[in-house]
Amino acid sequence: MAKSPKADVLSAKCPSREILDHVTSTWGCLILVVLQEKTYRFSELRRRIDGVSEKMLSQTLKTLEADGFISKRDYKEIPPRVEYSLTSLGKEVAQHVHALAGWVEKNAVKIVSHQKKSAVN
């Protein structure tokens, strides 16, 4: 059996770079963090994640679903009822993204202070 090539996010041609972009984009990160709480319907996600447009939420959900991080359950009802939840792979990556988001929240005041100092200079 042939060995799979090792992923290298520093290589421009490596698909891992695109995946990294999906999970660390603003909307990707926030969706993963929120779905750790519970299964959500589209409209609930939109209300929970302040500022996300319907278009961006839809696009990001499709991307994360294609990556295998999110599962979509369509109940085939009228009115439409669709729910989103994390897959086991999604739960794993969400833990890491949640830790990063938590670190950013914890250090936001310091970071903004540095940004303001840099803007003055």
N, C-alpha and C. Protein backbone atom coordinates (compact mmCIF):
# COMPACT_ATOMS: atom_id res chain seq x y z
N MET A 1 0.84 -1.17 0.00
CA MET A 1 0.00 0.00 0.00
C MET A 1 0.89 1.25 0.00
N ALA A 2 0.56 2.22 -0.87
CA ALA A 2 1.35 3.45 -0.98
C ALA A 2 1.08 4.36 0.20
N LYS A 3 2.13 5.03 0.63
CA LYS A 3 2.02 5.97 1.72
C LYS A 3 1.41 7.28 1.23
N SER A 4 0.52 7.86 2.02
CA SER A 4 -0.03 9.18 1.69
C SER A 4 1.03 10.23 1.95
N PRO A 5 1.11 11.25 1.09
CA PRO A 5 2.08 12.31 1.36
C PRO A 5 1.70 13.06 2.63
N LYS A 6 2.71 13.51 3.35
CA LYS A 6 2.49 14.24 4.60
C LYS A 6 1.94 15.63 4.28
N ALA A 7 0.93 16.03 5.04
CA ALA A 7 0.37 17.38 4.88
C ALA A 7 1.37 18.41 5.37
N ASP A 8 1.39 19.56 4.71
CA ASP A 8 2.31 20.64 5.06
C ASP A 8 1.62 21.97 4.80
N VAL A 9 1.07 22.59 5.84
CA VAL A 9 0.34 23.85 5.66
C VAL A 9 1.24 24.98 5.15
N LEU A 10 2.54 24.81 5.23
CA LEU A 10 3.44 25.84 4.72
C LEU A 10 3.63 25.75 3.21
N SER A 11 3.19 24.65 2.63
CA SER A 11 3.28 24.47 1.19
C SER A 11 2.02 25.05 0.52
N ALA A 12 2.22 25.91 -0.47
CA ALA A 12 1.10 26.55 -1.15
C ALA A 12 0.18 25.54 -1.84
N LYS A 13 0.72 24.40 -2.22
CA LYS A 13 -0.06 23.40 -2.95
C LYS A 13 -0.77 22.40 -2.04
N CYS A 14 -0.53 22.45 -0.75
CA CYS A 14 -1.10 21.47 0.17
C CYS A 14 -2.56 21.80 0.48
N PRO A 15 -3.46 20.83 0.34
CA PRO A 15 -4.88 21.08 0.64
C PRO A 15 -5.14 21.40 2.11
N SER A 16 -4.21 21.09 2.99
CA SER A 16 -4.41 21.41 4.40
C SER A 16 -4.50 22.92 4.63
N ARG A 17 -3.88 23.69 3.76
CA ARG A 17 -3.92 25.15 3.90
C ARG A 17 -5.34 25.67 3.70
N GLU A 18 -6.04 25.12 2.72
CA GLU A 18 -7.42 25.51 2.45
C GLU A 18 -8.33 25.10 3.62
N ILE A 19 -8.10 23.92 4.16
CA ILE A 19 -8.89 23.45 5.30
C ILE A 19 -8.64 24.35 6.51
N LEU A 20 -7.40 24.72 6.73
CA LEU A 20 -7.06 25.63 7.82
C LEU A 20 -7.83 26.94 7.67
N ASP A 21 -7.91 27.43 6.46
CA ASP A 21 -8.65 28.65 6.18
C ASP A 21 -10.13 28.47 6.52
N HIS A 22 -10.71 27.33 6.21
CA HIS A 22 -12.12 27.08 6.50
C HIS A 22 -12.41 27.14 7.99
N VAL A 23 -11.58 26.51 8.79
CA VAL A 23 -11.86 26.42 10.23
C VAL A 23 -11.43 27.66 11.01
N THR A 24 -10.53 28.46 10.44
CA THR A 24 -10.08 29.66 11.16
C THR A 24 -10.66 30.95 10.60
N SER A 25 -11.48 30.85 9.54
CA SER A 25 -12.16 32.05 9.07
C SER A 25 -13.11 32.50 10.17
N THR A 26 -13.47 33.75 10.18
CA THR A 26 -14.34 34.27 11.23
C THR A 26 -15.61 33.44 11.35
N TRP A 27 -16.31 33.25 10.25
CA TRP A 27 -17.59 32.55 10.30
C TRP A 27 -17.41 31.06 10.56
N GLY A 28 -16.39 30.46 9.98
CA GLY A 28 -16.13 29.04 10.23
C GLY A 28 -15.85 28.79 11.69
N CYS A 29 -15.02 29.61 12.27
CA CYS A 29 -14.66 29.49 13.69
C CYS A 29 -15.90 29.65 14.56
N LEU A 30 -16.70 30.67 14.30
CA LEU A 30 -17.86 30.94 15.14
C LEU A 30 -18.92 29.84 15.01
N ILE A 31 -19.12 29.33 13.81
CA ILE A 31 -20.07 28.23 13.61
C ILE A 31 -19.63 27.00 14.38
N LEU A 32 -18.36 26.66 14.29
CA LEU A 32 -17.86 25.49 15.01
C LEU A 32 -18.02 25.66 16.53
N VAL A 33 -17.73 26.84 17.03
CA VAL A 33 -17.86 27.11 18.46
C VAL A 33 -19.33 26.99 18.90
N VAL A 34 -20.23 27.58 18.14
CA VAL A 34 -21.65 27.56 18.51
C VAL A 34 -22.22 26.15 18.43
N LEU A 35 -21.84 25.39 17.42
CA LEU A 35 -22.38 24.04 17.29
C LEU A 35 -21.88 23.09 18.38
N GLN A 36 -20.88 23.51 19.15
CA GLN A 36 -20.47 22.72 20.30
C GLN A 36 -21.58 22.72 21.36
N GLU A 37 -22.39 23.76 21.38
CA GLU A 37 -23.46 23.89 22.37
C GLU A 37 -24.56 22.85 22.16
N LYS A 38 -25.00 22.74 20.89
CA LYS A 38 -26.13 21.86 20.57
C LYS A 38 -26.34 21.84 19.06
N THR A 39 -27.32 21.07 18.64
CA THR A 39 -27.76 21.07 17.24
C THR A 39 -28.60 22.33 17.03
N TYR A 40 -28.38 23.01 15.90
CA TYR A 40 -29.10 24.24 15.61
C TYR A 40 -29.78 24.17 14.24
N ARG A 41 -30.89 24.86 14.13
CA ARG A 41 -31.51 25.10 12.84
C ARG A 41 -30.83 26.34 12.24
N PHE A 42 -30.98 26.51 10.92
CA PHE A 42 -30.33 27.61 10.21
C PHE A 42 -30.68 28.96 10.85
N SER A 43 -31.96 29.21 11.05
CA SER A 43 -32.40 30.50 11.59
C SER A 43 -31.88 30.72 13.01
N GLU A 44 -31.77 29.66 13.78
CA GLU A 44 -31.22 29.77 15.14
C GLU A 44 -29.74 30.15 15.09
N LEU A 45 -29.01 29.53 14.16
CA LEU A 45 -27.58 29.87 14.00
C LEU A 45 -27.44 31.33 13.61
N ARG A 46 -28.28 31.77 12.69
CA ARG A 46 -28.20 33.16 12.22
C ARG A 46 -28.44 34.14 13.37
N ARG A 47 -29.39 33.82 14.23
CA ARG A 47 -29.66 34.69 15.39
C ARG A 47 -28.54 34.60 16.42
N ARG A 48 -27.96 33.42 16.58
CA ARG A 48 -26.92 33.20 17.61
C ARG A 48 -25.61 33.87 17.25
N ILE A 49 -25.28 33.93 15.95
CA ILE A 49 -24.02 34.50 15.50
C ILE A 49 -24.29 35.90 14.95
N ASP A 50 -24.12 36.87 15.80
CA ASP A 50 -24.42 38.26 15.47
C ASP A 50 -23.58 38.73 14.28
N GLY A 51 -24.24 39.32 13.29
CA GLY A 51 -23.54 39.93 12.16
C GLY A 51 -23.36 39.06 10.94
N VAL A 52 -23.64 37.77 11.02
CA VAL A 52 -23.46 36.90 9.85
C VAL A 52 -24.65 37.07 8.92
N SER A 53 -24.36 37.22 7.64
CA SER A 53 -25.44 37.33 6.65
C SER A 53 -25.94 35.93 6.31
N GLU A 54 -27.12 35.87 5.77
CA GLU A 54 -27.69 34.59 5.36
C GLU A 54 -26.79 33.92 4.33
N LYS A 55 -26.27 34.71 3.39
CA LYS A 55 -25.41 34.18 2.33
C LYS A 55 -24.11 33.58 2.91
N MET A 56 -23.46 34.32 3.81
CA MET A 56 -22.20 33.83 4.39
C MET A 56 -22.42 32.61 5.27
N LEU A 57 -23.52 32.60 6.02
CA LEU A 57 -23.82 31.45 6.86
C LEU A 57 -24.04 30.22 5.98
N SER A 58 -24.82 30.38 4.94
CA SER A 58 -25.10 29.27 4.03
C SER A 58 -23.83 28.75 3.37
N GLN A 59 -23.00 29.65 2.85
CA GLN A 59 -21.75 29.25 2.19
C GLN A 59 -20.81 28.54 3.16
N THR A 60 -20.68 29.08 4.36
CA THR A 60 -19.75 28.50 5.33
C THR A 60 -20.25 27.15 5.81
N LEU A 61 -21.54 27.01 6.03
CA LEU A 61 -22.09 25.71 6.42
C LEU A 61 -21.82 24.67 5.34
N LYS A 62 -22.01 25.03 4.08
CA LYS A 62 -21.76 24.11 2.96
C LYS A 62 -20.29 23.70 2.93
N THR A 63 -19.41 24.65 3.13
CA THR A 63 -17.97 24.37 3.12
C THR A 63 -17.59 23.43 4.26
N LEU A 64 -18.07 23.72 5.46
CA LEU A 64 -17.75 22.88 6.61
C LEU A 64 -18.38 21.50 6.50
N GLU A 65 -19.53 21.43 5.86
CA GLU A 65 -20.17 20.13 5.60
C GLU A 65 -19.34 19.32 4.60
N ALA A 66 -18.87 19.99 3.55
CA ALA A 66 -18.04 19.31 2.54
C ALA A 66 -16.73 18.81 3.15
N ASP A 67 -16.21 19.53 4.14
CA ASP A 67 -14.98 19.12 4.82
C ASP A 67 -15.21 17.97 5.80
N GLY A 68 -16.48 17.68 6.08
CA GLY A 68 -16.80 16.59 7.01
C GLY A 68 -16.89 17.02 8.47
N PHE A 69 -16.96 18.33 8.73
CA PHE A 69 -17.03 18.84 10.09
C PHE A 69 -18.46 18.98 10.61
N ILE A 70 -19.39 19.15 9.69
CA ILE A 70 -20.79 19.39 10.03
C ILE A 70 -21.68 18.39 9.30
N SER A 71 -22.71 17.94 9.99
CA SER A 71 -23.72 17.13 9.31
C SER A 71 -25.00 17.95 9.23
N LYS A 72 -25.68 17.79 8.13
CA LYS A 72 -26.92 18.52 7.86
C LYS A 72 -28.05 17.49 7.81
N ARG A 73 -29.09 17.74 8.56
CA ARG A 73 -30.23 16.83 8.54
C ARG A 73 -31.45 17.60 8.03
N ASP A 74 -31.95 17.16 6.87
CA ASP A 74 -33.11 17.78 6.25
C ASP A 74 -34.31 16.89 6.51
N TYR A 75 -35.31 17.43 7.19
CA TYR A 75 -36.48 16.65 7.56
C TYR A 75 -37.53 16.56 6.44
N LYS A 76 -37.27 17.22 5.31
CA LYS A 76 -38.17 17.18 4.14
C LYS A 76 -39.60 17.55 4.53
N GLU A 77 -39.73 18.63 5.30
CA GLU A 77 -41.04 19.11 5.74
C GLU A 77 -41.33 20.46 5.12
N ILE A 78 -42.60 20.83 5.19
CA ILE A 78 -43.00 22.17 4.79
C ILE A 78 -43.68 22.79 6.00
N PRO A 79 -43.22 23.93 6.50
CA PRO A 79 -42.04 24.67 6.04
C PRO A 79 -40.76 23.85 6.26
N PRO A 80 -39.72 24.20 5.49
CA PRO A 80 -38.46 23.45 5.58
C PRO A 80 -37.89 23.42 7.00
N ARG A 81 -37.38 22.28 7.37
CA ARG A 81 -36.73 22.12 8.68
C ARG A 81 -35.41 21.40 8.45
N VAL A 82 -34.34 22.12 8.69
CA VAL A 82 -32.98 21.59 8.51
C VAL A 82 -32.21 21.88 9.78
N GLU A 83 -31.46 20.87 10.25
CA GLU A 83 -30.65 21.03 11.45
C GLU A 83 -29.19 20.74 11.14
N TYR A 84 -28.33 21.44 11.86
CA TYR A 84 -26.88 21.28 11.70
C TYR A 84 -26.27 20.86 13.03
N SER A 85 -25.34 19.92 12.95
CA SER A 85 -24.62 19.49 14.14
C SER A 85 -23.19 19.12 13.75
N LEU A 86 -22.34 18.99 14.75
CA LEU A 86 -20.95 18.62 14.50
C LEU A 86 -20.83 17.11 14.32
N THR A 87 -19.98 16.71 13.40
CA THR A 87 -19.60 15.31 13.27
C THR A 87 -18.52 15.03 14.31
N SER A 88 -18.07 13.80 14.41
CA SER A 88 -16.99 13.52 15.37
C SER A 88 -15.72 14.29 14.99
N LEU A 89 -15.43 14.40 13.71
CA LEU A 89 -14.29 15.19 13.25
C LEU A 89 -14.50 16.67 13.58
N GLY A 90 -15.73 17.13 13.41
CA GLY A 90 -16.08 18.51 13.73
C GLY A 90 -15.94 18.81 15.21
N LYS A 91 -16.33 17.86 16.05
CA LYS A 91 -16.19 18.05 17.50
C LYS A 91 -14.72 18.19 17.88
N GLU A 92 -13.89 17.42 17.22
CA GLU A 92 -12.45 17.47 17.51
C GLU A 92 -11.85 18.82 17.12
N VAL A 93 -12.14 19.27 15.90
CA VAL A 93 -11.57 20.55 15.47
C VAL A 93 -12.20 21.71 16.24
N ALA A 94 -13.48 21.59 16.60
CA ALA A 94 -14.15 22.66 17.34
C ALA A 94 -13.50 22.90 18.70
N GLN A 95 -13.00 21.85 19.33
CA GLN A 95 -12.31 22.01 20.61
C GLN A 95 -11.09 22.91 20.45
N HIS A 96 -10.34 22.69 19.39
CA HIS A 96 -9.14 23.50 19.15
C HIS A 96 -9.51 24.94 18.80
N VAL A 97 -10.50 25.10 17.95
CA VAL A 97 -10.93 26.44 17.54
C VAL A 97 -11.50 27.19 18.74
N HIS A 98 -12.26 26.49 19.57
CA HIS A 98 -12.83 27.11 20.77
C HIS A 98 -11.73 27.60 21.70
N ALA A 99 -10.68 26.81 21.85
CA ALA A 99 -9.54 27.22 22.68
C ALA A 99 -8.90 28.49 22.12
N LEU A 100 -8.73 28.54 20.81
CA LEU A 100 -8.15 29.74 20.18
C LEU A 100 -9.06 30.95 20.38
N ALA A 101 -10.36 30.77 20.16
CA ALA A 101 -11.32 31.87 20.34
C ALA A 101 -11.31 32.35 21.79
N GLY A 102 -11.23 31.42 22.73
CA GLY A 102 -11.16 31.78 24.14
C GLY A 102 -9.91 32.58 24.47
N TRP A 103 -8.80 32.18 23.88
CA TRP A 103 -7.55 32.90 24.10
C TRP A 103 -7.66 34.33 23.56
N VAL A 104 -8.27 34.47 22.38
CA VAL A 104 -8.45 35.80 21.78
C VAL A 104 -9.33 36.66 22.68
N GLU A 105 -10.43 36.11 23.17
CA GLU A 105 -11.31 36.87 24.08
C GLU A 105 -10.55 37.31 25.33
N LYS A 106 -9.79 36.39 25.90
CA LYS A 106 -9.05 36.66 27.13
C LYS A 106 -8.01 37.78 26.93
N ASN A 107 -7.43 37.84 25.75
CA ASN A 107 -6.35 38.79 25.48
C ASN A 107 -6.75 39.97 24.61
N ALA A 108 -8.03 40.12 24.33
CA ALA A 108 -8.50 41.17 23.41
C ALA A 108 -8.12 42.56 23.87
N VAL A 109 -8.23 42.85 25.16
CA VAL A 109 -7.91 44.19 25.67
C VAL A 109 -6.44 44.52 25.41
N LYS A 110 -5.54 43.57 25.70
CA LYS A 110 -4.11 43.79 25.46
C LYS A 110 -3.83 43.99 23.97
N ILE A 111 -4.47 43.17 23.15
CA ILE A 111 -4.23 43.24 21.71
C ILE A 111 -4.72 44.58 21.15
N VAL A 112 -5.91 45.00 21.56
CA VAL A 112 -6.45 46.28 21.09
C VAL A 112 -5.55 47.43 21.54
N SER A 113 -5.00 47.32 22.74
CA SER A 113 -4.08 48.34 23.23
C SER A 113 -2.84 48.42 22.33
N HIS A 114 -2.30 47.28 21.95
CA HIS A 114 -1.14 47.26 21.04
C HIS A 114 -1.52 47.84 19.67
N GLN A 115 -2.71 47.52 19.20
CA GLN A 115 -3.17 48.05 17.90
C GLN A 115 -3.24 49.57 17.94
N LYS A 116 -3.78 50.10 19.04
CA LYS A 116 -3.90 51.56 19.17
C LYS A 116 -2.53 52.22 19.20
N LYS A 117 -1.57 51.59 19.93
CA LYS A 117 -0.20 52.13 19.98
C LYS A 117 0.43 52.13 18.61
N SER A 118 0.22 51.05 17.85
CA SER A 118 0.79 50.96 16.50
C SER A 118 0.18 51.97 15.55
N ALA A 119 -1.10 52.27 15.73
CA ALA A 119 -1.79 53.23 14.87
C ALA A 119 -1.27 54.64 15.08
N VAL A 120 -0.83 54.94 16.30
CA VAL A 120 -0.31 56.28 16.63
C VAL A 120 1.07 56.48 16.03
N ASN A 121 1.89 55.43 16.02
CA ASN A 121 3.28 55.54 15.54
C ASN A 121 3.35 55.59 14.07
